[in-house]
Amino acid sequence: MSFKRYSIIAGLGLAVVFVLLLGASEWLIRAKIVPLDTGTQHARLFNESQSPNAIFGDSHMLKINGMEGFVNLARGGAGVESKVFAYYENKDPGKVVLHADANQFAALAGDAQEQDENAGVGDGTRFGLHVLSDRFQGFILAYWRRLLVDREFSLDSKIHADGAITESTVWGGAYSDSGRLRIASSTVALQRPVTPVADSAQGAAFIRVVSYLREREADLCLVVMPTPSEYHSLAEKIPAFQEARSFVRDVAASTGTTLVDLTEAEFGQDLFADEDHLNEIGGRRAGDLIAVRCFG
């Protein structure tokens, strides 16, 4: 057999092996990873849902679950403004719950607003294949290791049919009093609003979203989410948080929009998963209160 012919056969063999590995990896991602991948599930819900009633915001709002007739399109790390505009581009808004916490005016929230305007909305594929997308490509070897060595795939979070993503952990019993205070202090510092809020890019984006939804005749409700006592007591002492809350109240009053502040409701430590997020039970309670106070 000539060298040229041998090279062609070897090349064809390698091509077949590559295609088989590619196909097997695509199967692995579709069968084992995608059902547990919160980003993919969120994107699918965003792109396929026709519900006029929706929840928008960051990871704090993502915990709200159990609101009948609502789809939860909140997502950590992606700008709210572009998502609201994109979701209602071809449908009329109905009842809309919008994040109104002070932390959305922090510098890190501004960074999220500057991300790709389609962040969190893509379907996680490239040329129709998950295996070629940036989201999964770098983890393929890790996925195979999990399958062949660990033989199991699991997720600490629960993905709800309505789009909410929650945890069952309880913040109150996870750390000592001093440990909880230390963690909360770090988070409060990270989420400190920029000032003056009214002149910030985050403040301008918030006004644009509220104005857009009011112009589209949405039944809009602004919601301030609860936080554990450690976070709340620390934030109360920082003028920037008070300024942000005053700004939200002013926007609500000037646009005739309902504002519901759940920090005034009773949420014990057992209803939080960590220093600033509700757990599954807490998210259900928040959903029940929002349904009544916003739209009841």
C-alpha atoms as a PDB file:
ATOM      1  CA  MET A   1       0.000   0.000   0.000  1.00  0.00           C
ATOM      2  CA  SER A   2       1.402   3.359  -0.993  1.00  0.00           C
ATOM      3  CA  PHE A   3       2.085   6.012   1.608  1.00  0.00           C
ATOM      4  CA  LYS A   4      -0.422   8.353  -0.033  1.00  0.00           C
ATOM      5  CA  ARG A   5      -3.177   5.758   0.115  1.00  0.00           C
ATOM      6  CA  TYR A   6      -2.301   4.915   3.715  1.00  0.00           C
ATOM      7  CA  SER A   7      -2.459   8.595   4.636  1.00  0.00           C
ATOM      8  CA  ILE A   8      -5.909   8.957   3.072  1.00  0.00           C
ATOM      9  CA  ILE A   9      -7.241   5.922   4.943  1.00  0.00           C
ATOM     10  CA  ALA A  10      -5.700   7.122   8.206  1.00  0.00           C
ATOM     11  CA  GLY A  11      -7.157  10.584   7.659  1.00  0.00           C
ATOM     12  CA  LEU A  12     -10.595   9.158   6.973  1.00  0.00           C
ATOM     13  CA  GLY A  13     -10.321   7.006  10.087  1.00  0.00           C
ATOM     14  CA  LEU A  14      -9.417   9.990  12.237  1.00  0.00           C
ATOM     15  CA  ALA A  15     -12.286  11.957  10.711  1.00  0.00           C
ATOM     16  CA  VAL A  16     -14.722   9.175  11.569  1.00  0.00           C
ATOM     17  CA  VAL A  17     -13.394   9.012  15.142  1.00  0.00           C
ATOM     18  CA  PHE A  18     -13.680  12.804  15.446  1.00  0.00           C
ATOM     19  CA  VAL A  19     -17.274  12.792  14.212  1.00  0.00           C
ATOM     20  CA  LEU A  20     -18.157   9.955  16.575  1.00  0.00           C
ATOM     21  CA  LEU A  21     -16.590  11.772  19.532  1.00  0.00           C
ATOM     22  CA  LEU A  22     -18.320  14.982  18.515  1.00  0.00           C
ATOM     23  CA  GLY A  23     -21.659  13.195  18.303  1.00  0.00           C
ATOM     24  CA  ALA A  24     -21.139  11.413  21.602  1.00  0.00           C
ATOM     25  CA  SER A  25     -20.211  14.657  23.330  1.00  0.00           C
ATOM     26  CA  GLU A  26     -23.263  16.376  21.873  1.00  0.00           C
ATOM     27  CA  TRP A  27     -25.416  13.558  23.235  1.00  0.00           C
ATOM     28  CA  LEU A  28     -23.758  13.856  26.632  1.00  0.00           C
ATOM     29  CA  ILE A  29     -24.425  17.588  26.810  1.00  0.00           C
ATOM     30  CA  ARG A  30     -28.021  17.306  25.618  1.00  0.00           C
ATOM     31  CA  ALA A  31     -28.886  14.313  27.810  1.00  0.00           C
ATOM     32  CA  LYS A  32     -26.986  15.081  31.013  1.00  0.00           C
ATOM     33  CA  ILE A  33     -25.935  18.734  31.096  1.00  0.00           C
ATOM     34  CA  VAL A  34     -28.638  20.818  29.455  1.00  0.00           C
ATOM     35  CA  PRO A  35     -31.430  19.604  31.785  1.00  0.00           C
ATOM     36  CA  LEU A  36     -29.308  20.803  34.729  1.00  0.00           C
ATOM     37  CA  ASP A  37     -27.891  23.940  33.096  1.00  0.00           C
ATOM     38  CA  THR A  38     -29.726  26.943  34.509  1.00  0.00           C
ATOM     39  CA  GLY A  39     -28.531  29.269  31.751  1.00  0.00           C
ATOM     40  CA  THR A  40     -29.834  27.038  28.977  1.00  0.00           C
ATOM     41  CA  GLN A  41     -33.158  26.521  30.710  1.00  0.00           C
ATOM     42  CA  HIS A  42     -33.522  30.252  31.256  1.00  0.00           C
ATOM     43  CA  ALA A  43     -32.754  30.999  27.601  1.00  0.00           C
ATOM     44  CA  ARG A  44     -35.258  28.406  26.423  1.00  0.00           C
ATOM     45  CA  LEU A  45     -37.969  29.872  28.638  1.00  0.00           C
ATOM     46  CA  PHE A  46     -37.169  33.410  27.517  1.00  0.00           C
ATOM     47  CA  ASN A  47     -37.303  32.498  23.845  1.00  0.00           C
ATOM     48  CA  GLU A  48     -40.359  30.238  23.979  1.00  0.00           C
ATOM     49  CA  SER A  49     -42.652  31.777  26.595  1.00  0.00           C
ATOM     50  CA  GLN A  50     -45.687  33.705  25.408  1.00  0.00           C
ATOM     51  CA  SER A  51     -46.821  34.734  28.883  1.00  0.00           C
ATOM     52  CA  PRO A  52     -47.559  38.468  29.183  1.00  0.00           C
ATOM     53  CA  ASN A  53     -46.932  38.240  32.939  1.00  0.00           C
ATOM     54  CA  ALA A  54     -43.260  38.202  33.897  1.00  0.00           C
ATOM     55  CA  ILE A  55     -40.720  38.856  36.630  1.00  0.00           C
ATOM     56  CA  PHE A  56     -37.537  40.749  35.739  1.00  0.00           C
ATOM     57  CA  GLY A  57     -34.445  41.497  37.781  1.00  0.00           C
ATOM     58  CA  ASP A  58     -31.254  39.920  39.067  1.00  0.00           C
ATOM     59  CA  SER A  59     -30.566  36.790  41.122  1.00  0.00           C
ATOM     60  CA  HIS A  60     -32.577  38.139  44.071  1.00  0.00           C
ATOM     61  CA  MET A  61     -35.759  38.169  41.980  1.00  0.00           C
ATOM     62  CA  LEU A  62     -34.859  34.772  40.515  1.00  0.00           C
ATOM     63  CA  LYS A  63     -35.881  33.154  43.802  1.00  0.00           C
ATOM     64  CA  ILE A  64     -39.546  34.213  43.498  1.00  0.00           C
ATOM     65  CA  ASN A  65     -41.552  31.091  42.720  1.00  0.00           C
ATOM     66  CA  GLY A  66     -45.105  29.862  42.596  1.00  0.00           C
ATOM     67  CA  MET A  67     -46.802  32.962  41.149  1.00  0.00           C
ATOM     68  CA  GLU A  68     -49.572  31.474  39.022  1.00  0.00           C
ATOM     69  CA  GLY A  69     -49.580  32.700  35.443  1.00  0.00           C
ATOM     70  CA  PHE A  70     -46.124  34.291  35.716  1.00  0.00           C
ATOM     71  CA  VAL A  71     -42.826  33.416  34.090  1.00  0.00           C
ATOM     72  CA  ASN A  72     -39.686  34.313  36.049  1.00  0.00           C
ATOM     73  CA  LEU A  73     -37.168  35.841  33.630  1.00  0.00           C
ATOM     74  CA  ALA A  74     -34.854  37.262  36.269  1.00  0.00           C
ATOM     75  CA  ARG A  75     -31.222  36.343  35.825  1.00  0.00           C
ATOM     76  CA  GLY A  76     -28.014  37.242  37.642  1.00  0.00           C
ATOM     77  CA  GLY A  77     -25.364  39.043  35.614  1.00  0.00           C
ATOM     78  CA  ALA A  78     -27.434  40.240  32.670  1.00  0.00           C
ATOM     79  CA  GLY A  79     -28.861  43.718  32.021  1.00  0.00           C
ATOM     80  CA  VAL A  80     -32.588  44.015  32.714  1.00  0.00           C
ATOM     81  CA  GLU A  81     -33.281  46.793  30.231  1.00  0.00           C
ATOM     82  CA  SER A  82     -32.420  44.908  27.046  1.00  0.00           C
ATOM     83  CA  LYS A  83     -34.247  41.800  28.262  1.00  0.00           C
ATOM     84  CA  VAL A  84     -37.480  43.676  28.964  1.00  0.00           C
ATOM     85  CA  PHE A  85     -37.362  45.363  25.559  1.00  0.00           C
ATOM     86  CA  ALA A  86     -36.579  42.100  23.772  1.00  0.00           C
ATOM     87  CA  TYR A  87     -39.225  40.049  25.564  1.00  0.00           C
ATOM     88  CA  TYR A  88     -42.040  42.486  24.850  1.00  0.00           C
ATOM     89  CA  GLU A  89     -40.925  43.390  21.343  1.00  0.00           C
ATOM     90  CA  ASN A  90     -43.637  41.218  19.791  1.00  0.00           C
ATOM     91  CA  LYS A  91     -46.108  40.834  22.655  1.00  0.00           C
ATOM     92  CA  ASP A  92     -48.106  43.145  24.888  1.00  0.00           C
ATOM     93  CA  PRO A  93     -47.050  43.204  28.536  1.00  0.00           C
ATOM     94  CA  GLY A  94     -49.520  42.151  31.206  1.00  0.00           C
ATOM     95  CA  LYS A  95     -48.627  42.041  34.872  1.00  0.00           C
ATOM     96  CA  VAL A  96     -44.938  42.806  35.328  1.00  0.00           C
ATOM     97  CA  VAL A  97     -42.826  42.557  38.480  1.00  0.00           C
ATOM     98  CA  LEU A  98     -39.643  44.629  38.300  1.00  0.00           C
ATOM     99  CA  HIS A  99     -36.630  44.538  40.598  1.00  0.00           C
ATOM    100  CA  ALA A 100     -36.334  47.724  42.687  1.00  0.00           C
ATOM    101  CA  ASP A 101     -33.608  46.846  45.216  1.00  0.00           C
ATOM    102  CA  ALA A 102     -30.874  49.366  46.003  1.00  0.00           C
ATOM    103  CA  ASN A 103     -28.164  46.884  44.976  1.00  0.00           C
ATOM    104  CA  GLN A 104     -29.143  47.195  41.298  1.00  0.00           C
ATOM    105  CA  PHE A 105     -27.590  50.678  41.355  1.00  0.00           C
ATOM    106  CA  ALA A 106     -24.180  49.337  42.421  1.00  0.00           C
ATOM    107  CA  ALA A 107     -21.135  49.614  40.159  1.00  0.00           C
ATOM    108  CA  LEU A 108     -21.223  45.877  39.415  1.00  0.00           C
ATOM    109  CA  ALA A 109     -24.801  46.269  38.162  1.00  0.00           C
ATOM    110  CA  GLY A 110     -23.520  48.868  35.734  1.00  0.00           C
ATOM    111  CA  ASP A 111     -21.005  46.346  34.445  1.00  0.00           C
ATOM    112  CA  ALA A 112     -23.847  43.891  33.837  1.00  0.00           C
ATOM    113  CA  GLN A 113     -25.780  46.522  31.871  1.00  0.00           C
ATOM    114  CA  GLU A 114     -22.782  46.943  29.580  1.00  0.00           C
ATOM    115  CA  GLN A 115     -22.642  43.221  28.732  1.00  0.00           C
ATOM    116  CA  ASP A 116     -23.810  41.869  25.400  1.00  0.00           C
ATOM    117  CA  GLU A 117     -27.434  42.983  25.121  1.00  0.00           C
ATOM    118  CA  ASN A 118     -28.430  39.390  24.411  1.00  0.00           C
ATOM    119  CA  ALA A 119     -26.636  37.994  27.457  1.00  0.00           C
ATOM    120  CA  GLY A 120     -28.557  35.120  28.972  1.00  0.00           C
ATOM    121  CA  VAL A 121     -30.951  34.897  26.013  1.00  0.00           C
ATOM    122  CA  GLY A 122     -28.973  32.793  23.513  1.00  0.00           C
ATOM    123  CA  ASP A 123     -29.850  29.113  23.174  1.00  0.00           C
ATOM    124  CA  GLY A 124     -26.391  27.828  24.117  1.00  0.00           C
ATOM    125  CA  THR A 125     -25.598  26.413  20.672  1.00  0.00           C
ATOM    126  CA  ARG A 126     -23.341  27.249  17.759  1.00  0.00           C
ATOM    127  CA  PHE A 127     -24.400  26.052  14.320  1.00  0.00           C
ATOM    128  CA  GLY A 128     -27.107  24.138  16.151  1.00  0.00           C
ATOM    129  CA  LEU A 129     -24.655  22.183  18.309  1.00  0.00           C
ATOM    130  CA  HIS A 130     -24.030  22.615  22.020  1.00  0.00           C
ATOM    131  CA  VAL A 131     -20.616  20.993  21.735  1.00  0.00           C
ATOM    132  CA  LEU A 132     -19.348  23.882  19.578  1.00  0.00           C
ATOM    133  CA  SER A 133     -20.604  26.695  21.813  1.00  0.00           C
ATOM    134  CA  ASP A 134     -18.348  28.660  24.135  1.00  0.00           C
ATOM    135  CA  ARG A 135     -20.718  27.856  26.994  1.00  0.00           C
ATOM    136  CA  PHE A 136     -19.935  24.118  26.959  1.00  0.00           C
ATOM    137  CA  GLN A 137     -16.828  23.598  24.819  1.00  0.00           C
ATOM    138  CA  GLY A 138     -14.278  24.195  27.554  1.00  0.00           C
ATOM    139  CA  PHE A 139     -15.892  21.689  29.913  1.00  0.00           C
ATOM    140  CA  ILE A 140     -16.295  18.638  27.675  1.00  0.00           C
ATOM    141  CA  LEU A 141     -13.463  16.658  29.296  1.00  0.00           C
ATOM    142  CA  ALA A 142     -14.892  17.466  32.731  1.00  0.00           C
ATOM    143  CA  TYR A 143     -18.316  16.243  31.606  1.00  0.00           C
ATOM    144  CA  TRP A 144     -16.864  12.916  30.428  1.00  0.00           C
ATOM    145  CA  ARG A 145     -14.989  12.537  33.700  1.00  0.00           C
ATOM    146  CA  ARG A 146     -18.212  13.072  35.637  1.00  0.00           C
ATOM    147  CA  LEU A 147     -19.931  10.423  33.524  1.00  0.00           C
ATOM    148  CA  LEU A 148     -17.162   7.814  33.520  1.00  0.00           C
ATOM    149  CA  VAL A 149     -15.662   8.335  36.987  1.00  0.00           C
ATOM    150  CA  ASP A 150     -18.284   9.937  39.230  1.00  0.00           C
ATOM    151  CA  ARG A 151     -21.158   8.364  37.272  1.00  0.00           C
ATOM    152  CA  GLU A 152     -23.605  11.045  38.343  1.00  0.00           C
ATOM    153  CA  PHE A 153     -24.676  14.570  37.572  1.00  0.00           C
ATOM    154  CA  SER A 154     -26.408  16.682  40.171  1.00  0.00           C
ATOM    155  CA  LEU A 155     -27.434  20.264  40.788  1.00  0.00           C
ATOM    156  CA  ASP A 156     -27.532  22.032  44.129  1.00  0.00           C
ATOM    157  CA  SER A 157     -30.259  24.345  42.831  1.00  0.00           C
ATOM    158  CA  LYS A 158     -33.834  23.520  41.840  1.00  0.00           C
ATOM    159  CA  ILE A 159     -35.124  24.714  38.475  1.00  0.00           C
ATOM    160  CA  HIS A 160     -38.839  25.459  38.670  1.00  0.00           C
ATOM    161  CA  ALA A 161     -41.221  25.189  35.733  1.00  0.00           C
ATOM    162  CA  ASP A 162     -41.947  28.922  35.998  1.00  0.00           C
ATOM    163  CA  GLY A 163     -38.245  29.781  35.607  1.00  0.00           C
ATOM    164  CA  ALA A 164     -37.364  30.373  39.246  1.00  0.00           C
ATOM    165  CA  ILE A 165     -34.114  28.838  40.492  1.00  0.00           C
ATOM    166  CA  THR A 166     -33.923  28.190  44.222  1.00  0.00           C
ATOM    167  CA  GLU A 167     -31.897  26.447  46.910  1.00  0.00           C
ATOM    168  CA  SER A 168     -33.128  24.606  49.978  1.00  0.00           C
ATOM    169  CA  THR A 169     -30.255  25.707  52.214  1.00  0.00           C
ATOM    170  CA  VAL A 170     -30.898  27.754  55.345  1.00  0.00           C
ATOM    171  CA  TRP A 171     -28.739  30.804  56.075  1.00  0.00           C
ATOM    172  CA  GLY A 172     -29.539  30.971  59.775  1.00  0.00           C
ATOM    173  CA  GLY A 173     -27.840  27.695  60.628  1.00  0.00           C
ATOM    174  CA  ALA A 174     -24.985  27.785  58.160  1.00  0.00           C
ATOM    175  CA  TYR A 175     -22.543  30.016  60.083  1.00  0.00           C
ATOM    176  CA  SER A 176     -21.882  31.498  63.488  1.00  0.00           C
ATOM    177  CA  ASP A 177     -23.257  34.972  64.276  1.00  0.00           C
ATOM    178  CA  SER A 178     -19.868  36.569  63.633  1.00  0.00           C
ATOM    179  CA  GLY A 179     -19.422  34.566  60.435  1.00  0.00           C
ATOM    180  CA  ARG A 180     -22.781  35.681  59.058  1.00  0.00           C
ATOM    181  CA  LEU A 181     -22.018  39.300  59.905  1.00  0.00           C
ATOM    182  CA  ARG A 182     -18.619  39.117  58.202  1.00  0.00           C
ATOM    183  CA  ILE A 183     -20.084  37.642  55.013  1.00  0.00           C
ATOM    184  CA  ALA A 184     -22.959  40.125  54.979  1.00  0.00           C
ATOM    185  CA  SER A 185     -20.570  43.028  55.457  1.00  0.00           C
ATOM    186  CA  SER A 186     -18.541  41.979  52.420  1.00  0.00           C
ATOM    187  CA  THR A 187     -21.659  41.657  50.266  1.00  0.00           C
ATOM    188  CA  VAL A 188     -23.081  44.997  51.382  1.00  0.00           C
ATOM    189  CA  ALA A 189     -19.799  46.701  50.472  1.00  0.00           C
ATOM    190  CA  LEU A 190     -19.850  45.072  47.029  1.00  0.00           C
ATOM    191  CA  GLN A 191     -23.478  46.074  46.428  1.00  0.00           C
ATOM    192  CA  ARG A 192     -23.169  49.663  47.636  1.00  0.00           C
ATOM    193  CA  PRO A 193     -25.049  51.919  45.183  1.00  0.00           C
ATOM    194  CA  VAL A 194     -23.149  54.526  43.206  1.00  0.00           C
ATOM    195  CA  THR A 195     -24.049  58.125  44.006  1.00  0.00           C
ATOM    196  CA  PRO A 196     -25.704  60.282  42.998  1.00  0.00           C
ATOM    197  CA  VAL A 197     -28.075  57.534  41.895  1.00  0.00           C
ATOM    198  CA  ALA A 198     -30.218  59.891  39.806  1.00  0.00           C
ATOM    199  CA  ASP A 199     -27.205  60.774  37.623  1.00  0.00           C
ATOM    200  CA  SER A 200     -25.889  57.224  37.246  1.00  0.00           C
ATOM    201  CA  ALA A 201     -26.168  54.966  34.214  1.00  0.00           C
ATOM    202  CA  GLN A 202     -27.986  52.455  36.405  1.00  0.00           C
ATOM    203  CA  GLY A 203     -30.520  55.059  37.501  1.00  0.00           C
ATOM    204  CA  ALA A 204     -31.124  56.147  33.912  1.00  0.00           C
ATOM    205  CA  ALA A 205     -31.643  52.530  32.810  1.00  0.00           C
ATOM    206  CA  PHE A 206     -34.160  51.977  35.611  1.00  0.00           C
ATOM    207  CA  ILE A 207     -36.177  55.034  34.541  1.00  0.00           C
ATOM    208  CA  ARG A 208     -36.137  53.907  30.904  1.00  0.00           C
ATOM    209  CA  VAL A 209     -37.489  50.462  31.802  1.00  0.00           C
ATOM    210  CA  VAL A 210     -40.227  51.844  34.040  1.00  0.00           C
ATOM    211  CA  SER A 211     -41.200  54.456  31.433  1.00  0.00           C
ATOM    212  CA  TYR A 212     -41.251  51.874  28.649  1.00  0.00           C
ATOM    213  CA  LEU A 213     -43.491  49.492  30.577  1.00  0.00           C
ATOM    214  CA  ARG A 214     -45.833  52.300  31.627  1.00  0.00           C
ATOM    215  CA  GLU A 215     -46.070  53.495  28.018  1.00  0.00           C
ATOM    216  CA  ARG A 216     -46.884  49.928  26.961  1.00  0.00           C
ATOM    217  CA  GLU A 217     -49.679  49.964  29.580  1.00  0.00           C
ATOM    218  CA  ALA A 218     -48.212  47.169  31.679  1.00  0.00           C
ATOM    219  CA  ASP A 219     -49.706  46.497  35.101  1.00  0.00           C
ATOM    220  CA  LEU A 220     -46.339  47.228  36.657  1.00  0.00           C
ATOM    221  CA  CYS A 221     -45.199  46.615  40.220  1.00  0.00           C
ATOM    222  CA  LEU A 222     -41.789  47.569  41.593  1.00  0.00           C
ATOM    223  CA  VAL A 223     -40.594  45.203  44.312  1.00  0.00           C
ATOM    224  CA  VAL A 224     -37.896  45.606  46.954  1.00  0.00           C
ATOM    225  CA  MET A 225     -36.811  42.170  48.127  1.00  0.00           C
ATOM    226  CA  PRO A 226     -36.168  41.251  51.775  1.00  0.00           C
ATOM    227  CA  THR A 227     -32.714  40.554  53.167  1.00  0.00           C
ATOM    228  CA  PRO A 228     -31.516  38.829  56.357  1.00  0.00           C
ATOM    229  CA  SER A 229     -31.148  40.968  59.468  1.00  0.00           C
ATOM    230  CA  GLU A 230     -27.342  41.135  59.149  1.00  0.00           C
ATOM    231  CA  TYR A 231     -27.475  42.600  55.638  1.00  0.00           C
ATOM    232  CA  HIS A 232     -30.422  44.896  56.419  1.00  0.00           C
ATOM    233  CA  SER A 233     -28.894  46.398  59.564  1.00  0.00           C
ATOM    234  CA  LEU A 234     -25.597  47.126  57.791  1.00  0.00           C
ATOM    235  CA  ALA A 235     -27.235  48.637  54.690  1.00  0.00           C
ATOM    236  CA  GLU A 236     -29.479  50.855  56.821  1.00  0.00           C
ATOM    237  CA  LYS A 237     -26.386  52.672  58.123  1.00  0.00           C
ATOM    238  CA  ILE A 238     -25.054  53.547  54.655  1.00  0.00           C
ATOM    239  CA  PRO A 239     -26.419  56.768  53.094  1.00  0.00           C
ATOM    240  CA  ALA A 240     -25.992  55.435  49.542  1.00  0.00           C
ATOM    241  CA  PHE A 241     -28.561  52.691  50.200  1.00  0.00           C
ATOM    242  CA  GLN A 242     -31.013  55.238  51.596  1.00  0.00           C
ATOM    243  CA  GLU A 243     -30.499  57.470  48.571  1.00  0.00           C
ATOM    244  CA  ALA A 244     -31.172  54.554  46.211  1.00  0.00           C
ATOM    245  CA  ARG A 245     -34.386  53.662  48.024  1.00  0.00           C
ATOM    246  CA  SER A 246     -35.511  57.286  47.954  1.00  0.00           C
ATOM    247  CA  PHE A 247     -34.793  57.376  44.216  1.00  0.00           C
ATOM    248  CA  VAL A 248     -36.984  54.297  43.654  1.00  0.00           C
ATOM    249  CA  ARG A 249     -39.801  55.837  45.687  1.00  0.00           C
ATOM    250  CA  ASP A 250     -39.573  59.037  43.632  1.00  0.00           C
ATOM    251  CA  VAL A 251     -39.676  57.114  40.329  1.00  0.00           C
ATOM    252  CA  ALA A 252     -42.679  55.119  41.532  1.00  0.00           C
ATOM    253  CA  ALA A 253     -44.527  58.281  42.635  1.00  0.00           C
ATOM    254  CA  SER A 254     -43.750  60.268  39.483  1.00  0.00           C
ATOM    255  CA  THR A 255     -44.895  57.445  37.178  1.00  0.00           C
ATOM    256  CA  GLY A 256     -47.884  56.311  39.227  1.00  0.00           C
ATOM    257  CA  THR A 257     -46.351  52.854  39.692  1.00  0.00           C
ATOM    258  CA  THR A 258     -47.089  50.491  42.575  1.00  0.00           C
ATOM    259  CA  LEU A 259     -44.121  49.946  44.885  1.00  0.00           C
ATOM    260  CA  VAL A 260     -44.033  47.002  47.292  1.00  0.00           C
ATOM    261  CA  ASP A 261     -41.264  46.901  49.901  1.00  0.00           C
ATOM    262  CA  LEU A 262     -40.865  43.377  51.259  1.00  0.00           C
ATOM    263  CA  THR A 263     -38.192  44.472  53.735  1.00  0.00           C
ATOM    264  CA  GLU A 264     -41.150  45.550  55.848  1.00  0.00           C
ATOM    265  CA  ALA A 265     -42.576  42.002  55.833  1.00  0.00           C
ATOM    266  CA  GLU A 266     -41.603  39.281  58.283  1.00  0.00           C
ATOM    267  CA  PHE A 267     -38.922  37.000  56.820  1.00  0.00           C
ATOM    268  CA  GLY A 268     -37.036  34.941  59.394  1.00  0.00           C
ATOM    269  CA  GLN A 269     -33.493  33.678  58.939  1.00  0.00           C
ATOM    270  CA  ASP A 270     -34.846  30.267  57.975  1.00  0.00           C
ATOM    271  CA  LEU A 271     -36.291  31.740  54.758  1.00  0.00           C
ATOM    272  CA  PHE A 272     -32.906  32.765  53.338  1.00  0.00           C
ATOM    273  CA  ALA A 273     -30.368  30.637  51.495  1.00  0.00           C
ATOM    274  CA  ASP A 274     -27.451  33.018  52.066  1.00  0.00           C
ATOM    275  CA  GLU A 275     -26.633  36.587  53.083  1.00  0.00           C
ATOM    276  CA  ASP A 276     -28.935  38.229  50.516  1.00  0.00           C
ATOM    277  CA  HIS A 277     -31.011  35.581  48.683  1.00  0.00           C
ATOM    278  CA  LEU A 278     -34.212  33.820  49.696  1.00  0.00           C
ATOM    279  CA  ASN A 279     -34.337  30.031  49.670  1.00  0.00           C
ATOM    280  CA  GLU A 280     -37.129  28.024  48.040  1.00  0.00           C
ATOM    281  CA  ILE A 281     -39.614  28.460  50.882  1.00  0.00           C
ATOM    282  CA  GLY A 282     -38.756  32.154  51.217  1.00  0.00           C
ATOM    283  CA  GLY A 283     -39.173  32.639  47.473  1.00  0.00           C
ATOM    284  CA  ARG A 284     -42.607  31.046  47.642  1.00  0.00           C
ATOM    285  CA  ARG A 285     -43.621  33.362  50.491  1.00  0.00           C
ATOM    286  CA  ALA A 286     -42.355  36.370  48.524  1.00  0.00           C
ATOM    287  CA  GLY A 287     -44.393  35.242  45.514  1.00  0.00           C
ATOM    288  CA  ASP A 288     -47.540  34.941  47.632  1.00  0.00           C
ATOM    289  CA  LEU A 289     -47.046  38.434  49.095  1.00  0.00           C
ATOM    290  CA  ILE A 290     -46.295  40.007  45.703  1.00  0.00           C
ATOM    291  CA  ALA A 291     -49.392  38.461  44.163  1.00  0.00           C
ATOM    292  CA  VAL A 292     -51.569  40.023  46.857  1.00  0.00           C
ATOM    293  CA  ARG A 293     -49.838  43.363  47.403  1.00  0.00           C
ATOM    294  CA  CYS A 294     -49.116  44.094  43.749  1.00  0.00           C
ATOM    295  CA  PHE A 295     -52.112  42.663  41.958  1.00  0.00           C
ATOM    296  CA  GLY A 296     -54.636  41.575  44.595  1.00  0.00           C
END
